[in-house]
């Protein structure tokens, strides 16, 4: 998620605690979609070389797609830290599946979205190849301006939708769905027709569009991006690749979905912050910040930059944190090896300065601090 998006989320005065969206692996997306009778290529998960070969045999196809399960875009063009190129391959034999698995599993995949450190590849998806006739783009998104869910489609799938919007905006079609009424067959048919579907494929599209909307609603999804949605030469309409995001606030009623969370794909400090319900975003600077209130936090970051400093993080402890959470926030900041100093800037109108002070005393008693700390408690 873009930094600006995450920061805008914490500006909401009704917002309580950190706002995060669960992202699941492609194979998990397939399984979630399949459970809702939404069609995908056949794919099976593997976490070892032998399991990868066994899953290839189970598929029973003559060719196999081997896809790294890493939560990042651009996997096909990425490279592993062991020098192996590409996180997506098509091979012709079970033995080749095993060879690929030995090079991919346990290594870190580096793509344009992961940063230089990459992310660990601990799981593969072994899938059937498709004889594709055409690729489309489809997504269901929260349209906050319209106060509805938007279903967006394009005849140009398999590519970045932002590029399509810039180069061929007429290719993008959109319908807004009233959440009280749901997606009617007529509205689904309208979008499918605009995308050029006819005959039996049109009827498949109407059915699948409605099931996708129903899943988004029932699973508390915040985004469902199918790219590409494909038609095959044997007359099928399939979600060939899917990225699903879910609202963390719904974890209490979506336990099966949230059991799929892969902490190995997340920054350790982000995971730690989530335990304390803190708004934390790691940055590239050297001055750790512990602030309450998103506005003051951003102003503090601006102030540091103005005086040639560089913030190491955005960390808003909010107005309801206790001493234990404050101590946790302090441990998160000191856990960043880049931090050379810490600035605590607290406005007492939102949170008791005594709670902050107690949390700092608790943290310093537990954590060895070798960097200077500047504390401002006002109010």
Foldseek 3Di string as FASTA:
>chain_A
DDPVVQLVQQQDPVDDFHWDKFWFWFVLVCVLCVVLVAFEFDKDKDQALVVQLVVLVVVVDQKKKKAFGAPDPPQQQWAWPVGHGGRIDMGGHSVVSSVVRVVQAQTFIDGPGQPPVHFHRRMIMIGDDAQFDFWKKWKWAQDVVVRFIKIKIFRDFPDDVVVCCVPPVLRIDMDTADPVVAQDLVNQLVVLVSSPDDDPVSVVSSVNVRSVRVSCVVQQWRMKIQGTFTAGPVGDTHSHTIIIIHTPVCCVPNVVSVVSGDCSNDDPLVVLLVVQSKHKDFDDFAEEEEEAGSVVQVVVQVVLVVVVGHYGMRIHNYQPGALCSLLSSVCSRVVDVSHQEYEYAYEPVRYNVVRNVSSVVVNVVPDPDDHYYHYDYHD
